[in-house]
């Protein structure tokens, strides 16, 4: 999508127009940005590392949360 050089705030701005939810591993995102001003749901995956092997166990909870999370809401999995 050409978003490689974007920062989180830019990601959120771009994502609002194309997605219903923003999934991230950045635990500090809600402290760095006022997420309520972005009209998008945010789900923060919590794992020991960002390695795929550590993120895989979070997928079932993510799949349950996606249909329930509302715009401007932040959930941590």
N, C-alpha and C. Protein backbone atom coordinates (compact mmCIF):
# COMPACT_ATOMS: atom_id res chain seq x y z
N UNK A 1 0.82 -1.19 0.00
CA UNK A 1 0.00 0.00 0.00
C UNK A 1 0.87 1.26 0.00
N UNK A 2 2.18 1.07 0.10
CA UNK A 2 3.07 2.22 0.10
C UNK A 2 3.13 2.95 1.43
N UNK A 3 2.81 2.24 2.51
CA UNK A 3 2.79 2.89 3.83
C UNK A 3 4.05 2.62 4.64
N UNK A 4 5.08 2.08 4.03
CA UNK A 4 6.30 1.68 4.75
C UNK A 4 6.92 2.78 5.59
N UNK A 5 6.93 4.00 5.10
CA UNK A 5 7.61 5.08 5.80
C UNK A 5 6.70 5.86 6.74
N UNK A 6 5.47 5.39 6.94
CA UNK A 6 4.50 6.12 7.76
C UNK A 6 4.68 5.84 9.24
N UNK A 7 4.36 6.82 10.04
CA UNK A 7 4.34 6.69 11.50
C UNK A 7 2.93 6.31 11.94
N UNK A 8 2.74 5.95 13.22
CA UNK A 8 1.45 5.47 13.69
C UNK A 8 0.31 6.46 13.45
N UNK A 9 0.52 7.74 13.73
CA UNK A 9 -0.53 8.72 13.49
C UNK A 9 -0.94 8.77 12.04
N UNK A 10 0.04 8.68 11.16
CA UNK A 10 -0.25 8.66 9.72
C UNK A 10 -0.97 7.36 9.33
N UNK A 11 -0.54 6.24 9.92
CA UNK A 11 -1.22 4.96 9.67
C UNK A 11 -2.69 5.07 10.03
N UNK A 12 -2.97 5.62 11.19
CA UNK A 12 -4.35 5.73 11.65
C UNK A 12 -5.17 6.61 10.72
N UNK A 13 -4.62 7.72 10.30
CA UNK A 13 -5.33 8.62 9.39
C UNK A 13 -5.64 7.92 8.07
N UNK A 14 -4.68 7.20 7.53
CA UNK A 14 -4.90 6.47 6.28
C UNK A 14 -5.85 5.30 6.48
N UNK A 15 -5.73 4.60 7.60
CA UNK A 15 -6.53 3.41 7.86
C UNK A 15 -8.01 3.74 8.01
N UNK A 16 -8.33 4.89 8.55
CA UNK A 16 -9.73 5.28 8.78
C UNK A 16 -10.55 5.22 7.50
N UNK A 17 -9.95 5.60 6.40
CA UNK A 17 -10.70 5.64 5.14
C UNK A 17 -10.81 4.27 4.46
N UNK A 18 -10.05 3.26 4.95
CA UNK A 18 -10.03 1.98 4.25
C UNK A 18 -10.37 0.77 5.12
N UNK A 19 -10.34 0.93 6.44
CA UNK A 19 -10.53 -0.21 7.33
C UNK A 19 -11.46 0.14 8.47
N UNK A 20 -12.01 -0.89 9.11
CA UNK A 20 -12.87 -0.70 10.27
C UNK A 20 -12.09 -0.84 11.57
N UNK A 21 -10.94 -1.53 11.53
CA UNK A 21 -10.14 -1.74 12.73
C UNK A 21 -8.66 -1.63 12.40
N UNK A 22 -7.90 -1.15 13.37
CA UNK A 22 -6.45 -1.02 13.28
C UNK A 22 -5.87 -1.97 14.32
N UNK A 23 -5.11 -2.96 13.89
CA UNK A 23 -4.52 -3.95 14.80
C UNK A 23 -3.03 -3.65 14.89
N UNK A 24 -2.54 -3.53 16.12
CA UNK A 24 -1.15 -3.17 16.34
C UNK A 24 -0.56 -3.93 17.52
N UNK A 25 0.75 -3.93 17.63
CA UNK A 25 1.42 -4.47 18.80
C UNK A 25 2.02 -3.34 19.64
N UNK A 26 1.80 -2.10 19.23
CA UNK A 26 2.35 -0.92 19.91
C UNK A 26 1.52 -0.64 21.17
N UNK A 27 2.03 -1.04 22.31
CA UNK A 27 1.31 -0.85 23.58
C UNK A 27 1.25 0.61 24.00
N UNK A 28 2.12 1.43 23.46
CA UNK A 28 2.15 2.85 23.82
C UNK A 28 1.29 3.73 22.93
N UNK A 29 0.67 3.14 21.93
CA UNK A 29 -0.10 3.92 20.96
C UNK A 29 -1.14 4.82 21.62
N UNK A 30 -1.87 4.28 22.59
CA UNK A 30 -2.92 5.08 23.22
C UNK A 30 -2.35 6.21 24.08
N UNK A 31 -1.09 6.12 24.46
CA UNK A 31 -0.45 7.20 25.21
C UNK A 31 0.15 8.25 24.27
N UNK A 32 0.44 7.86 23.05
CA UNK A 32 1.07 8.75 22.08
C UNK A 32 0.07 9.53 21.24
N UNK A 33 -1.17 9.02 21.13
CA UNK A 33 -2.18 9.62 20.28
C UNK A 33 -3.53 9.61 20.98
N UNK A 34 -4.33 10.62 20.69
CA UNK A 34 -5.71 10.63 21.17
C UNK A 34 -6.52 9.78 20.20
N UNK A 35 -6.67 8.52 20.51
CA UNK A 35 -7.27 7.56 19.59
C UNK A 35 -8.76 7.82 19.37
N UNK A 36 -9.40 8.54 20.28
CA UNK A 36 -10.82 8.83 20.12
C UNK A 36 -11.08 9.78 18.95
N UNK A 37 -10.07 10.50 18.51
CA UNK A 37 -10.27 11.42 17.37
C UNK A 37 -10.20 10.69 16.03
N UNK A 38 -9.76 9.44 16.06
CA UNK A 38 -9.74 8.62 14.85
C UNK A 38 -10.99 7.75 14.84
N UNK A 39 -11.72 7.78 13.78
CA UNK A 39 -12.98 7.05 13.69
C UNK A 39 -12.72 5.60 13.26
N UNK A 40 -11.96 4.90 14.11
CA UNK A 40 -11.58 3.52 13.81
C UNK A 40 -11.39 2.76 15.12
N UNK A 41 -11.73 1.49 15.12
CA UNK A 41 -11.48 0.65 16.29
C UNK A 41 -9.99 0.29 16.32
N UNK A 42 -9.44 0.19 17.52
CA UNK A 42 -8.03 -0.17 17.67
C UNK A 42 -7.93 -1.38 18.59
N UNK A 43 -7.20 -2.38 18.13
CA UNK A 43 -6.94 -3.57 18.94
C UNK A 43 -5.43 -3.70 19.10
N UNK A 44 -5.00 -3.74 20.35
CA UNK A 44 -3.58 -3.87 20.66
C UNK A 44 -3.31 -5.32 21.06
N UNK A 45 -2.49 -5.99 20.29
CA UNK A 45 -2.12 -7.37 20.60
C UNK A 45 -1.02 -7.35 21.66
N UNK A 46 -1.18 -8.15 22.69
CA UNK A 46 -0.20 -8.20 23.78
C UNK A 46 0.46 -9.58 23.76
N UNK A 47 1.74 -9.56 23.49
CA UNK A 47 2.53 -10.79 23.45
C UNK A 47 3.93 -10.45 23.97
N UNK A 48 4.69 -11.45 24.38
CA UNK A 48 6.04 -11.18 24.89
C UNK A 48 6.93 -10.45 23.89
N UNK A 49 6.80 -10.81 22.60
CA UNK A 49 7.58 -10.15 21.54
C UNK A 49 6.67 -9.99 20.32
N UNK A 50 7.19 -9.36 19.29
CA UNK A 50 6.46 -9.22 18.02
C UNK A 50 6.72 -10.38 17.07
N UNK A 51 7.38 -11.40 17.54
CA UNK A 51 7.64 -12.57 16.70
C UNK A 51 6.33 -13.31 16.44
N UNK A 52 6.23 -13.84 15.25
CA UNK A 52 5.02 -14.56 14.85
C UNK A 52 4.69 -15.68 15.83
N UNK A 53 5.69 -16.37 16.30
CA UNK A 53 5.44 -17.48 17.24
C UNK A 53 4.80 -16.98 18.54
N UNK A 54 5.10 -15.76 18.96
CA UNK A 54 4.48 -15.18 20.16
C UNK A 54 3.12 -14.57 19.86
N UNK A 55 2.92 -14.09 18.63
CA UNK A 55 1.65 -13.47 18.26
C UNK A 55 0.57 -14.49 17.92
N UNK A 56 0.95 -15.64 17.43
CA UNK A 56 -0.05 -16.66 17.04
C UNK A 56 -1.08 -16.97 18.13
N UNK A 57 -0.67 -17.12 19.39
CA UNK A 57 -1.67 -17.42 20.42
C UNK A 57 -2.70 -16.29 20.64
N UNK A 58 -2.43 -15.09 20.17
CA UNK A 58 -3.37 -13.97 20.33
C UNK A 58 -4.46 -13.97 19.26
N UNK A 59 -4.29 -14.76 18.21
CA UNK A 59 -5.22 -14.73 17.08
C UNK A 59 -6.65 -15.13 17.45
N UNK A 60 -6.88 -16.18 18.23
CA UNK A 60 -8.27 -16.51 18.58
C UNK A 60 -8.98 -15.36 19.30
N UNK A 61 -8.31 -14.71 20.23
CA UNK A 61 -8.92 -13.56 20.92
C UNK A 61 -9.14 -12.40 19.97
N UNK A 62 -8.22 -12.20 19.05
CA UNK A 62 -8.38 -11.14 18.04
C UNK A 62 -9.61 -11.40 17.18
N UNK A 63 -9.77 -12.62 16.73
CA UNK A 63 -10.92 -12.97 15.89
C UNK A 63 -12.25 -12.80 16.64
N UNK A 64 -12.24 -13.03 17.94
CA UNK A 64 -13.45 -12.79 18.74
C UNK A 64 -13.72 -11.31 18.93
N UNK A 65 -12.66 -10.53 19.09
CA UNK A 65 -12.79 -9.09 19.36
C UNK A 65 -13.18 -8.29 18.12
N UNK A 66 -12.72 -8.68 16.95
CA UNK A 66 -12.96 -7.88 15.74
C UNK A 66 -14.43 -7.58 15.48
N UNK A 67 -15.34 -8.54 15.57
CA UNK A 67 -16.74 -8.20 15.30
C UNK A 67 -17.40 -7.40 16.43
N UNK A 68 -16.78 -7.33 17.60
CA UNK A 68 -17.38 -6.66 18.74
C UNK A 68 -16.86 -5.25 19.00
N UNK A 69 -15.62 -5.00 18.61
CA UNK A 69 -15.01 -3.70 18.89
C UNK A 69 -15.70 -2.60 18.09
N UNK A 70 -15.88 -1.45 18.74
CA UNK A 70 -16.58 -0.32 18.11
C UNK A 70 -15.58 0.76 17.72
N UNK A 71 -15.99 1.58 16.77
CA UNK A 71 -15.15 2.71 16.34
C UNK A 71 -14.82 3.57 17.55
N UNK A 72 -13.62 4.09 17.57
CA UNK A 72 -13.09 4.94 18.64
C UNK A 72 -12.83 4.17 19.93
N UNK A 73 -12.92 2.85 19.91
CA UNK A 73 -12.67 2.02 21.09
C UNK A 73 -11.28 1.38 20.96
N UNK A 74 -10.62 1.25 22.09
CA UNK A 74 -9.33 0.57 22.13
C UNK A 74 -9.48 -0.68 22.99
N UNK A 75 -9.11 -1.83 22.44
CA UNK A 75 -9.12 -3.09 23.18
C UNK A 75 -7.72 -3.66 23.20
N UNK A 76 -7.41 -4.28 24.30
CA UNK A 76 -6.11 -4.95 24.42
C UNK A 76 -6.37 -6.45 24.52
N UNK A 77 -5.65 -7.22 23.70
CA UNK A 77 -5.79 -8.69 23.70
C UNK A 77 -4.54 -9.29 24.28
